[in-house]
Protein backbone atom coordinates (compact mmCIF):
# COMPACT_ATOMS: atom_id res chain seq x y z
CA MET A 1 212.81 68.92 248.14
CA SER A 2 211.57 67.58 244.81
CA ASP A 3 213.94 64.62 245.18
CA LEU A 4 211.53 63.35 247.84
CA LEU A 5 209.08 62.75 245.00
CA ASP A 6 211.70 60.65 243.20
CA LEU A 7 212.05 58.18 246.08
CA PRO A 8 211.05 54.66 245.08
CA VAL A 9 207.98 53.13 246.71
CA THR A 10 205.96 50.04 246.03
CA THR A 11 202.17 50.15 245.93
CA LEU A 12 200.08 47.86 248.10
CA GLN A 13 199.47 45.87 244.91
CA GLY A 14 203.23 45.32 244.53
CA GLU A 15 203.92 47.76 241.68
CA ALA A 16 207.21 49.69 241.75
CA THR A 17 206.76 53.44 241.43
CA THR A 18 207.90 56.71 243.01
CA LEU A 19 206.30 58.86 245.65
CA GLY A 20 205.60 61.54 243.05
CA ALA A 21 203.95 59.12 240.64
CA LEU A 22 201.86 57.60 243.41
CA THR A 23 200.61 60.95 244.66
CA GLY A 24 200.31 62.38 241.15
CA GLY A 25 202.04 65.60 242.14
CA ARG A 26 199.15 66.40 244.45
CA VAL A 27 199.32 67.73 248.00
CA ALA A 28 199.43 64.55 250.08
CA LEU A 29 198.85 63.61 253.69
CA VAL A 30 201.26 60.69 254.21
CA VAL A 31 200.13 58.53 257.12
CA ASN A 32 201.62 55.34 258.59
CA VAL A 33 198.57 53.15 259.15
CA ALA A 34 197.68 49.93 260.96
CA SER A 35 194.56 47.76 260.99
CA ARG A 36 194.64 46.65 264.62
CA CYS A 37 195.34 49.89 266.44
CA GLY A 38 193.15 51.92 268.76
CA LEU A 39 193.61 54.76 266.27
CA THR A 40 192.46 52.67 263.28
CA PRO A 41 189.09 54.48 263.18
CA GLN A 42 191.06 57.47 261.83
CA TYR A 43 190.69 55.71 258.47
CA THR A 44 187.14 57.12 258.38
CA GLN A 45 188.41 60.69 258.73
CA LEU A 46 191.27 60.08 256.30
CA GLU A 47 188.88 58.81 253.64
CA ALA A 48 186.56 61.77 254.25
CA LEU A 49 189.47 64.21 253.77
CA HIS A 50 190.57 62.38 250.65
CA ARG A 51 187.10 62.62 249.11
CA GLU A 52 186.47 66.20 250.22
CA TYR A 53 189.69 67.65 248.82
CA ALA A 54 190.44 65.32 245.89
CA GLU A 55 189.04 67.65 243.24
CA ARG A 56 191.25 70.45 244.58
CA GLY A 57 194.47 68.45 244.15
CA PHE A 58 194.77 66.51 247.41
CA THR A 59 195.25 62.87 248.30
CA VAL A 60 195.88 60.78 251.36
CA LEU A 61 198.66 58.21 251.08
CA GLY A 62 198.42 55.28 253.49
CA VAL A 63 201.65 53.57 254.49
CA PRO A 64 201.04 50.29 256.34
CA CYS A 65 203.56 49.71 259.11
CA ASN A 66 203.90 46.78 261.51
CA GLN A 67 206.54 48.36 263.79
CA PHE A 68 204.22 49.37 266.60
CA ALA A 69 203.12 46.39 268.70
CA GLY A 70 202.62 44.28 265.55
CA GLN A 71 199.37 46.09 264.77
CA GLU A 72 199.60 45.59 260.99
CA PRO A 73 200.43 41.87 260.65
CA GLY A 74 198.41 41.12 257.52
CA THR A 75 199.45 40.50 253.95
CA ALA A 76 198.96 43.20 251.31
CA GLU A 77 195.75 41.48 250.22
CA GLU A 78 194.43 41.33 253.79
CA ILE A 79 195.26 44.98 254.38
CA GLU A 80 193.57 46.06 251.14
CA SER A 81 190.49 43.96 251.87
CA PHE A 82 190.20 45.25 255.44
CA CYS A 83 190.59 48.89 254.44
CA SER A 84 188.15 48.62 251.57
CA ALA A 85 185.47 46.58 253.34
CA THR A 86 185.68 48.27 256.74
CA TYR A 87 186.41 51.89 255.87
CA GLY A 88 185.75 52.24 252.14
CA VAL A 89 189.33 53.38 251.59
CA SER A 90 189.86 54.65 248.06
CA PHE A 91 193.14 56.54 248.53
CA PRO A 92 196.45 55.01 247.41
CA MET A 93 198.52 52.89 249.76
CA THR A 94 202.07 51.64 249.69
CA GLY A 95 203.33 48.23 250.64
CA LYS A 96 204.41 47.83 254.26
CA LEU A 97 207.32 50.03 255.28
CA GLU A 98 209.38 50.51 258.40
CA VAL A 99 209.29 54.10 259.61
CA ASN A 100 211.91 54.02 262.40
CA GLY A 101 215.22 52.36 263.13
CA GLU A 102 217.93 50.90 260.93
CA GLY A 103 215.39 49.43 258.50
CA ALA A 104 213.49 52.69 258.04
CA ASP A 105 212.50 53.38 254.46
CA PRO A 106 214.28 56.40 252.88
CA LEU A 107 210.89 58.14 252.63
CA TYR A 108 210.55 58.09 256.40
CA GLU A 109 214.19 58.92 256.97
CA ARG A 110 213.37 62.19 255.21
CA LEU A 111 209.93 62.74 256.70
CA ARG A 112 211.23 62.30 260.26
CA GLU A 113 213.45 65.36 259.79
CA THR A 114 210.30 67.51 259.88
CA PRO A 115 209.40 68.94 263.29
CA ASP A 116 205.91 68.77 264.75
CA PRO A 117 204.13 71.97 265.94
CA ALA A 118 206.10 71.79 269.23
CA GLY A 119 209.37 71.78 267.28
CA ALA A 120 210.23 68.11 267.86
CA ALA A 121 211.55 66.05 264.94
CA GLY A 122 212.81 62.47 265.08
CA ASP A 123 211.14 59.10 265.30
CA VAL A 124 207.52 58.48 264.43
CA GLN A 125 205.76 58.00 267.77
CA TRP A 126 203.05 55.49 266.79
CA ASN A 127 200.62 54.51 264.06
CA PHE A 128 198.74 57.31 262.29
CA GLU A 129 201.44 59.98 262.42
CA LYS A 130 200.76 62.40 259.55
CA PHE A 131 203.02 64.39 257.23
CA LEU A 132 201.65 66.98 254.83
CA VAL A 133 203.68 67.04 251.61
CA ALA A 134 203.28 69.70 248.92
CA GLY A 135 202.93 68.79 245.26
CA ASP A 136 206.56 69.85 244.75
CA GLY A 137 207.79 67.50 247.49
CA ALA A 138 208.28 70.04 250.29
CA VAL A 139 207.24 68.66 253.67
CA LEU A 140 204.89 71.29 255.05
CA ALA A 141 203.73 69.95 258.40
CA ARG A 142 203.81 67.03 260.81
CA PHE A 143 201.00 65.93 263.05
CA ARG A 144 201.40 63.35 265.81
CA PRO A 145 199.19 60.25 265.98
CA ARG A 146 196.56 61.55 268.38
CA THR A 147 195.90 64.60 266.21
CA GLY A 148 192.90 63.48 264.22
CA PRO A 149 192.85 63.91 260.44
CA ASP A 150 189.88 66.25 260.81
CA ALA A 151 191.51 68.41 263.52
CA PRO A 152 191.33 72.14 262.76
CA GLU A 153 195.12 72.43 262.48
CA VAL A 154 195.25 69.63 259.90
CA ARG A 155 192.42 71.11 257.86
CA THR A 156 194.00 74.58 258.01
CA ALA A 157 197.36 73.22 256.79
CA ILE A 158 195.64 71.36 253.93
CA GLU A 159 193.65 74.46 252.95
CA GLU A 160 196.82 76.59 252.95
CA ALA A 161 198.69 74.01 250.88
CA LEU A 162 195.87 73.96 248.31
CA SER A 163 195.61 77.76 248.05
């Protein structure tokens, strides 16, 4: 699975990199995010997780996506400003990506192969779907949008990945 870490991504600031370089080989919770979604307050919990587990080798990676009801229409600068000013986001973010359909980024083509706890793989359902990726690139878990970042099952999976 380490080839997942070699996939090219662009940072929110427009810099070309790879998933592995962006996450620094850390355990990462990869989340497709949006600024105008009913689930947007999850940014608070995502930032809290990022800060709580950072010293143990964990990061959140935000992936802005405008595929769900146009809920992330802003420019990179607007997204960065909103996230910073409104939620104090300090974790890394990519540029906007598509997560489903013919235009889906290769990162999400791979992530979507991972089943959720009910055994269902396939398309991302909505904003704030979460994928836990090990430092070696193995996809460890998938959590659907309504599962909060601070849900016990998410925390347990992070703790196990960091052990």
